[in-house]
C-alpha atoms as a PDB file:
ATOM      1  CA  MET A   1      93.314  72.730  70.443  1.00  0.00           C
ATOM      2  CA  MET A   2      93.876  72.258  74.167  1.00  0.00           C
ATOM      3  CA  LEU A   3      97.496  73.345  73.898  1.00  0.00           C
ATOM      4  CA  ARG A   4      96.603  76.375  71.793  1.00  0.00           C
ATOM      5  CA  LEU A   5      93.980  77.426  74.302  1.00  0.00           C
ATOM      6  CA  MET A   6      96.297  77.024  77.253  1.00  0.00           C
ATOM      7  CA  LYS A   7      98.889  79.232  75.559  1.00  0.00           C
ATOM      8  CA  GLN A   8      96.451  82.115  75.072  1.00  0.00           C
ATOM      9  CA  SER A   9      97.815  84.863  77.337  1.00  0.00           C
ATOM     10  CA  LYS A  10      94.455  86.630  77.379  1.00  0.00           C
ATOM     11  CA  LEU A  11      92.815  83.720  79.161  1.00  0.00           C
ATOM     12  CA  PRO A  12      93.170  82.893  82.854  1.00  0.00           C
ATOM     13  CA  LYS A  13      95.432  79.975  83.702  1.00  0.00           C
ATOM     14  CA  PHE A  14      93.517  76.740  84.274  1.00  0.00           C
ATOM     15  CA  SER A  15      94.756  73.937  86.491  1.00  0.00           C
ATOM     16  CA  ASN A  16      92.335  71.565  84.763  1.00  0.00           C
ATOM     17  CA  PRO A  17      92.393  72.268  81.008  1.00  0.00           C
ATOM     18  CA  LYS A  18      89.431  69.931  80.453  1.00  0.00           C
ATOM     19  CA  LEU A  19      87.182  72.521  82.096  1.00  0.00           C
ATOM     20  CA  LEU A  20      88.374  75.126  79.620  1.00  0.00           C
ATOM     21  CA  ILE A  21      87.703  72.808  76.681  1.00  0.00           C
ATOM     22  CA  LYS A  22      84.221  72.083  78.004  1.00  0.00           C
ATOM     23  CA  ALA A  23      83.534  75.801  78.268  1.00  0.00           C
ATOM     24  CA  MET A  24      84.328  76.119  74.567  1.00  0.00           C
ATOM     25  CA  THR A  25      82.086  73.206  73.509  1.00  0.00           C
ATOM     26  CA  HIS A  26      78.712  74.143  72.022  1.00  0.00           C
ATOM     27  CA  LYS A  27      75.910  71.591  72.252  1.00  0.00           C
ATOM     28  CA  SER A  28      75.910  71.212  68.457  1.00  0.00           C
ATOM     29  CA  TYR A  29      79.478  69.879  68.586  1.00  0.00           C
ATOM     30  CA  ALA A  30      78.730  67.632  71.540  1.00  0.00           C
ATOM     31  CA  ASN A  31      75.711  66.149  69.751  1.00  0.00           C
ATOM     32  CA  GLU A  32      77.628  65.495  66.544  1.00  0.00           C
ATOM     33  CA  HIS A  33      80.487  63.804  68.376  1.00  0.00           C
ATOM     34  CA  GLY A  34      78.438  61.789  70.840  1.00  0.00           C
ATOM     35  CA  GLU A  35      79.632  63.837  73.818  1.00  0.00           C
ATOM     36  CA  LEU A  36      76.159  64.394  75.196  1.00  0.00           C
ATOM     37  CA  GLU A  37      77.308  65.698  78.589  1.00  0.00           C
ATOM     38  CA  ALA A  38      80.309  67.651  77.314  1.00  0.00           C
ATOM     39  CA  ASP A  39      78.610  70.888  76.230  1.00  0.00           C
ATOM     40  CA  ASN A  40      78.958  74.193  78.054  1.00  0.00           C
ATOM     41  CA  GLU A  41      75.323  74.892  78.975  1.00  0.00           C
ATOM     42  CA  ARG A  42      75.612  74.083  82.684  1.00  0.00           C
ATOM     43  CA  LEU A  43      78.815  76.135  82.894  1.00  0.00           C
ATOM     44  CA  GLU A  44      76.962  78.951  81.125  1.00  0.00           C
ATOM     45  CA  PHE A  45      74.271  78.867  83.837  1.00  0.00           C
ATOM     46  CA  LEU A  46      76.897  79.050  86.581  1.00  0.00           C
ATOM     47  CA  GLY A  47      78.866  81.796  84.855  1.00  0.00           C
ATOM     48  CA  ASP A  48      75.761  83.928  84.420  1.00  0.00           C
ATOM     49  CA  ALA A  49      75.138  83.882  88.177  1.00  0.00           C
ATOM     50  CA  ILE A  50      78.784  84.640  88.951  1.00  0.00           C
ATOM     51  CA  LEU A  51      78.941  87.569  86.525  1.00  0.00           C
ATOM     52  CA  ASN A  52      75.833  89.139  88.014  1.00  0.00           C
ATOM     53  CA  PHE A  53      77.358  88.883  91.475  1.00  0.00           C
ATOM     54  CA  VAL A  54      80.816  90.151  90.496  1.00  0.00           C
ATOM     55  CA  CYS A  55      79.391  93.044  88.510  1.00  0.00           C
ATOM     56  CA  GLY A  56      76.915  93.957  91.240  1.00  0.00           C
ATOM     57  CA  GLU A  57      79.577  93.883  93.943  1.00  0.00           C
ATOM     58  CA  LEU A  58      81.903  96.003  91.820  1.00  0.00           C
ATOM     59  CA  LEU A  59      79.260  98.628  91.108  1.00  0.00           C
ATOM     60  CA  TYR A  60      78.138  98.721  94.746  1.00  0.00           C
ATOM     61  CA  ARG A  61      81.724  99.282  95.851  1.00  0.00           C
ATOM     62  CA  GLU A  62      82.724 101.817  93.203  1.00  0.00           C
ATOM     63  CA  PHE A  63      79.536 103.875  92.852  1.00  0.00           C
ATOM     64  CA  SER A  64      78.665 104.553  96.463  1.00  0.00           C
ATOM     65  CA  GLN A  65      76.358 107.461  95.627  1.00  0.00           C
ATOM     66  CA  LYS A  66      74.241 105.812  92.942  1.00  0.00           C
ATOM     67  CA  PRO A  67      70.766 104.565  93.983  1.00  0.00           C
ATOM     68  CA  GLU A  68      69.629 100.977  93.520  1.00  0.00           C
ATOM     69  CA  GLY A  69      67.717 101.688  90.322  1.00  0.00           C
ATOM     70  CA  GLU A  70      70.731 103.175  88.535  1.00  0.00           C
ATOM     71  CA  LEU A  71      72.996 100.370  89.715  1.00  0.00           C
ATOM     72  CA  THR A  72      70.525  97.781  88.419  1.00  0.00           C
ATOM     73  CA  GLN A  73      70.374  99.423  84.992  1.00  0.00           C
ATOM     74  CA  LEU A  74      74.147  99.715  84.821  1.00  0.00           C
ATOM     75  CA  ARG A  75      74.633  96.092  85.779  1.00  0.00           C
ATOM     76  CA  ALA A  76      72.082  94.964  83.206  1.00  0.00           C
ATOM     77  CA  SER A  77      73.981  96.808  80.478  1.00  0.00           C
ATOM     78  CA  LEU A  78      77.294  95.239  81.507  1.00  0.00           C
ATOM     79  CA  VAL A  79      76.070  91.635  81.576  1.00  0.00           C
ATOM     80  CA  ASP A  80      73.823  91.699  78.502  1.00  0.00           C
ATOM     81  CA  LYS A  81      74.659  89.462  75.553  1.00  0.00           C
ATOM     82  CA  THR A  82      76.078  92.279  73.430  1.00  0.00           C
ATOM     83  CA  GLN A  83      78.632  93.328  76.043  1.00  0.00           C
ATOM     84  CA  LEU A  84      79.570  89.768  76.970  1.00  0.00           C
ATOM     85  CA  ALA A  85      80.009  88.932  73.296  1.00  0.00           C
ATOM     86  CA  GLU A  86      82.464  91.818  73.031  1.00  0.00           C
ATOM     87  CA  PHE A  87      84.411  90.368  75.975  1.00  0.00           C
ATOM     88  CA  ALA A  88      84.450  86.991  74.205  1.00  0.00           C
ATOM     89  CA  ILE A  89      85.831  88.514  71.009  1.00  0.00           C
ATOM     90  CA  ALA A  90      88.447  90.491  72.952  1.00  0.00           C
ATOM     91  CA  LEU A  91      89.612  87.190  74.459  1.00  0.00           C
ATOM     92  CA  ASP A  92      89.582  85.455  71.042  1.00  0.00           C
ATOM     93  CA  LEU A  93      87.033  82.911  72.227  1.00  0.00           C
ATOM     94  CA  ASN A  94      85.402  82.969  68.798  1.00  0.00           C
ATOM     95  CA  GLN A  95      88.520  81.321  67.384  1.00  0.00           C
ATOM     96  CA  HIS A  96      88.453  78.452  69.864  1.00  0.00           C
ATOM     97  CA  LEU A  97      84.785  77.459  70.012  1.00  0.00           C
ATOM     98  CA  ARG A  98      83.959  73.863  69.202  1.00  0.00           C
ATOM     99  CA  LEU A  99      80.879  74.085  66.972  1.00  0.00           C
ATOM    100  CA  GLY A 100      78.809  71.630  65.005  1.00  0.00           C
ATOM    101  CA  LYS A 101      79.058  71.841  61.217  1.00  0.00           C
ATOM    102  CA  GLY A 102      75.645  73.442  60.812  1.00  0.00           C
ATOM    103  CA  VAL A 103      76.230  76.118  63.424  1.00  0.00           C
ATOM    104  CA  GLU A 104      79.670  76.767  61.965  1.00  0.00           C
ATOM    105  CA  LYS A 105      78.252  77.309  58.470  1.00  0.00           C
ATOM    106  CA  SER A 106      75.501  79.596  59.764  1.00  0.00           C
ATOM    107  CA  GLY A 107      78.030  82.030  61.258  1.00  0.00           C
ATOM    108  CA  GLY A 108      78.078  80.759  64.820  1.00  0.00           C
ATOM    109  CA  ARG A 109      81.487  82.268  65.541  1.00  0.00           C
ATOM    110  CA  SER A 110      80.050  85.757  65.095  1.00  0.00           C
ATOM    111  CA  ASN A 111      76.702  85.116  66.792  1.00  0.00           C
ATOM    112  CA  PRO A 112      76.431  87.454  69.842  1.00  0.00           C
ATOM    113  CA  ARG A 113      74.186  85.058  71.763  1.00  0.00           C
ATOM    114  CA  LEU A 114      76.558  82.145  71.246  1.00  0.00           C
ATOM    115  CA  LEU A 115      79.625  84.247  72.060  1.00  0.00           C
ATOM    116  CA  SER A 116      78.092  85.653  75.232  1.00  0.00           C
ATOM    117  CA  SER A 117      77.180  82.118  76.308  1.00  0.00           C
ATOM    118  CA  ALA A 118      80.773  81.009  75.731  1.00  0.00           C
ATOM    119  CA  PHE A 119      82.071  83.845  77.908  1.00  0.00           C
ATOM    120  CA  GLU A 120      79.644  82.925  80.693  1.00  0.00           C
ATOM    121  CA  ALA A 121      80.772  79.300  80.411  1.00  0.00           C
ATOM    122  CA  LEU A 122      84.415  80.377  80.614  1.00  0.00           C
ATOM    123  CA  VAL A 123      83.727  82.266  83.840  1.00  0.00           C
ATOM    124  CA  GLY A 124      81.828  79.316  85.301  1.00  0.00           C
ATOM    125  CA  ALA A 125      84.630  76.935  84.363  1.00  0.00           C
ATOM    126  CA  TYR A 126      87.304  79.173  85.867  1.00  0.00           C
ATOM    127  CA  PHE A 127      85.311  79.457  89.105  1.00  0.00           C
ATOM    128  CA  LEU A 128      85.217  75.655  89.415  1.00  0.00           C
ATOM    129  CA  ASP A 129      88.866  75.382  88.402  1.00  0.00           C
ATOM    130  CA  GLN A 130      89.808  77.669  91.298  1.00  0.00           C
ATOM    131  CA  GLY A 131      88.021  75.505  93.848  1.00  0.00           C
ATOM    132  CA  SER A 132      84.781  77.517  93.748  1.00  0.00           C
ATOM    133  CA  THR A 133      86.432  80.627  95.195  1.00  0.00           C
ATOM    134  CA  ILE A 134      85.629  84.020  93.766  1.00  0.00           C
ATOM    135  CA  ASP A 135      88.749  86.152  94.234  1.00  0.00           C
ATOM    136  CA  LEU A 136      90.721  85.103  91.147  1.00  0.00           C
ATOM    137  CA  VAL A 137      87.536  85.187  89.082  1.00  0.00           C
ATOM    138  CA  GLN A 138      87.045  88.797  90.173  1.00  0.00           C
ATOM    139  CA  ASP A 139      90.664  89.579  89.284  1.00  0.00           C
ATOM    140  CA  PHE A 140      90.000  88.249  85.778  1.00  0.00           C
ATOM    141  CA  VAL A 141      86.561  89.786  85.170  1.00  0.00           C
ATOM    142  CA  GLU A 142      86.672  93.165  86.922  1.00  0.00           C
ATOM    143  CA  PRO A 143      89.200  94.771  84.523  1.00  0.00           C
ATOM    144  CA  LEU A 144      86.874  93.882  81.642  1.00  0.00           C
ATOM    145  CA  PHE A 145      83.961  95.586  83.361  1.00  0.00           C
ATOM    146  CA  GLN A 146      86.160  98.568  84.264  1.00  0.00           C
ATOM    147  CA  ARG A 147      87.210  99.047  80.639  1.00  0.00           C
ATOM    148  CA  ALA A 148      83.609  98.794  79.507  1.00  0.00           C
ATOM    149  CA  LEU A 149      82.629 101.455  82.030  1.00  0.00           C
ATOM    150  CA  ALA A 150      85.472 103.714  80.907  1.00  0.00           C
ATOM    151  CA  GLN A 151      84.401 103.372  77.269  1.00  0.00           C
ATOM    152  CA  ARG A 152      80.928 104.542  78.248  1.00  0.00           C
ATOM    153  CA  GLY A 153      82.316 107.496  80.119  1.00  0.00           C
ATOM    154  CA  ALA A 154      81.066 106.150  83.431  1.00  0.00           C
ATOM    155  CA  THR A 155      83.335 107.101  86.311  1.00  0.00           C
ATOM    156  CA  SER A 156      83.058 105.978  89.901  1.00  0.00           C
ATOM    157  CA  ASN A 157      83.568 107.955  93.075  1.00  0.00           C
ATOM    158  CA  THR A 158      86.855 106.193  93.787  1.00  0.00           C
ATOM    159  CA  ALA A 159      88.244 105.557  90.307  1.00  0.00           C
ATOM    160  CA  ASN A 160      89.856 108.985  90.083  1.00  0.00           C
ATOM    161  CA  TYR A 161      91.500 109.105  93.522  1.00  0.00           C
ATOM    162  CA  LYS A 162      94.838 107.919  92.142  1.00  0.00           C
ATOM    163  CA  SER A 163      94.749 110.211  89.128  1.00  0.00           C
ATOM    164  CA  ARG A 164      93.839 113.214  91.289  1.00  0.00           C
ATOM    165  CA  PHE A 165      96.678 112.545  93.699  1.00  0.00           C
ATOM    166  CA  GLN A 166      99.074 112.012  90.824  1.00  0.00           C
ATOM    167  CA  GLU A 167      98.081 115.400  89.367  1.00  0.00           C
ATOM    168  CA  TRP A 168      98.838 117.000  92.728  1.00  0.00           C
ATOM    169  CA  ALA A 169     102.198 115.214  93.058  1.00  0.00           C
ATOM    170  CA  LEU A 170     103.251 116.211  89.555  1.00  0.00           C
ATOM    171  CA  ALA A 171     102.226 119.820  90.118  1.00  0.00           C
ATOM    172  CA  GLU A 172     103.984 120.052  93.494  1.00  0.00           C
ATOM    173  CA  PHE A 173     107.094 117.940  92.945  1.00  0.00           C
ATOM    174  CA  GLY A 174     107.180 116.864  89.317  1.00  0.00           C
ATOM    175  CA  GLU A 175     107.109 113.234  90.455  1.00  0.00           C
ATOM    176  CA  VAL A 176     104.703 110.334  90.076  1.00  0.00           C
ATOM    177  CA  PRO A 177     103.562 108.806  93.404  1.00  0.00           C
ATOM    178  CA  GLU A 178     104.909 105.399  94.385  1.00  0.00           C
ATOM    179  CA  TYR A 179     102.564 102.814  95.895  1.00  0.00           C
ATOM    180  CA  VAL A 180     104.073 100.257  98.283  1.00  0.00           C
ATOM    181  CA  ILE A 181     102.336  97.190  99.715  1.00  0.00           C
ATOM    182  CA  ILE A 182     103.454  97.169 103.337  1.00  0.00           C
ATOM    183  CA  GLU A 183     101.285  94.333 104.602  1.00  0.00           C
ATOM    184  CA  GLU A 184      99.702  91.229 103.118  1.00  0.00           C
ATOM    185  CA  ALA A 185      97.643  88.853 105.239  1.00  0.00           C
ATOM    186  CA  GLY A 186      95.115  86.057 104.982  1.00  0.00           C
ATOM    187  CA  PRO A 187      94.752  82.878 102.901  1.00  0.00           C
ATOM    188  CA  ASP A 188      95.062  82.982  99.113  1.00  0.00           C
ATOM    189  CA  HIS A 189      91.290  83.092  98.604  1.00  0.00           C
ATOM    190  CA  ALA A 190      90.802  85.959 101.073  1.00  0.00           C
ATOM    191  CA  LYS A 191      93.880  88.170 100.966  1.00  0.00           C
ATOM    192  CA  ARG A 192      93.929  91.590 102.589  1.00  0.00           C
ATOM    193  CA  PHE A 193      96.456  94.240 101.588  1.00  0.00           C
ATOM    194  CA  VAL A 194      97.691  97.481 103.132  1.00  0.00           C
ATOM    195  CA  SER A 195      99.268 100.048 100.804  1.00  0.00           C
ATOM    196  CA  GLU A 196     101.076 103.323 101.363  1.00  0.00           C
ATOM    197  CA  VAL A 197     101.563 106.059  98.794  1.00  0.00           C
ATOM    198  CA  TRP A 198     104.885 107.950  98.826  1.00  0.00           C
ATOM    199  CA  VAL A 199     106.168 111.084  97.111  1.00  0.00           C
ATOM    200  CA  LYS A 200     109.788 112.239  97.416  1.00  0.00           C
ATOM    201  CA  GLY A 201     110.518 109.774 100.203  1.00  0.00           C
ATOM    202  CA  LYS A 202     107.512 110.762 102.320  1.00  0.00           C
ATOM    203  CA  PRO A 203     104.321 108.731 102.965  1.00  0.00           C
ATOM    204  CA  TYR A 204     101.112 110.655 102.311  1.00  0.00           C
ATOM    205  CA  GLY A 205      98.398 108.088 102.803  1.00  0.00           C
ATOM    206  CA  ARG A 206      97.590 104.522 103.757  1.00  0.00           C
ATOM    207  CA  GLY A 207      94.755 102.289 102.588  1.00  0.00           C
ATOM    208  CA  LYS A 208      93.399  98.765 102.971  1.00  0.00           C
ATOM    209  CA  GLY A 209      91.652  96.453 100.527  1.00  0.00           C
ATOM    210  CA  ARG A 210      91.122  92.859  99.511  1.00  0.00           C
ATOM    211  CA  LYS A 211      93.074  93.603  96.339  1.00  0.00           C
ATOM    212  CA  LYS A 212      96.259  95.575  95.789  1.00  0.00           C
ATOM    213  CA  GLN A 213      94.491  97.990  93.448  1.00  0.00           C
ATOM    214  CA  GLU A 214      91.770  98.672  95.989  1.00  0.00           C
ATOM    215  CA  ALA A 215      94.337  99.258  98.744  1.00  0.00           C
ATOM    216  CA  GLU A 216      96.169 101.717  96.486  1.00  0.00           C
ATOM    217  CA  LYS A 217      92.957 103.602  95.727  1.00  0.00           C
ATOM    218  CA  GLN A 218      92.233 103.935  99.410  1.00  0.00           C
ATOM    219  CA  ALA A 219      95.797 105.113 100.063  1.00  0.00           C
ATOM    220  CA  ALA A 220      95.327 107.823  97.440  1.00  0.00           C
ATOM    221  CA  ARG A 221      92.019 108.786  99.006  1.00  0.00           C
ATOM    222  CA  SER A 222      93.682 109.012 102.438  1.00  0.00           C
ATOM    223  CA  ALA A 223      96.386 111.254 100.960  1.00  0.00           C
ATOM    224  CA  LEU A 224      93.801 113.557  99.387  1.00  0.00           C
ATOM    225  CA  GLU A 225      91.917 113.780 102.689  1.00  0.00           C
ATOM    226  CA  THR A 226      95.134 114.616 104.560  1.00  0.00           C
ATOM    227  CA  LEU A 227      95.880 117.388 102.071  1.00  0.00           C
ATOM    228  CA  GLY A 228      92.340 118.737 102.318  1.00  0.00           C
ATOM    229  CA  LEU A 229      91.729 118.093  98.624  1.00  0.00           C
ATOM    230  CA  LEU A 230      88.837 115.682  98.985  1.00  0.00           C
ATOM    231  CA  LEU A 231      85.465 117.339  99.073  1.00  0.00           C
END
């Protein structure tokens, strides 16, 4: 099972595969096999806290005009058991859970509460695997939250900067903008990037961010401001 899990391209790469196996171990399996400290409940607790932070930070950054109450409601909907269970299924975690015979027979692999707990445990395990640093965990989790937001029709203030600039570039020149990382600094757990956006050999904007995608968004925003297209 360990080898099959490690080969799953949908999952983040673990340096310590035992953490991944533990994240997939329900207490019913641990009890049946005498592995009393091998279940994923403590990892679930850690992952829950991490997901609330990552989601909250993402929403604060992307929805700069939304008040606290709306952000709280949006975060609650993104980290509830139904949504997290959908993430678990998308990652095929239901196929890799280690369950006790009783839980297996009662449909544990399709139980939203159990699946959401497994996803939380996965996030907690990955956080520990990466030396308790958050950046790679954010890289793994944020796209899931972004897709969930897109499916709900929720758009942020910054999410459409790149698409708006691309529309302009296509209308003016018939070309798609090119984003170039011109600077990368800092340690692996705290990288900072500077990106420029070019069209037809000319730079139109520059942006900074702790991730390449964020730097590109800010470059697009800078380009729109320069062109007087950002209200």
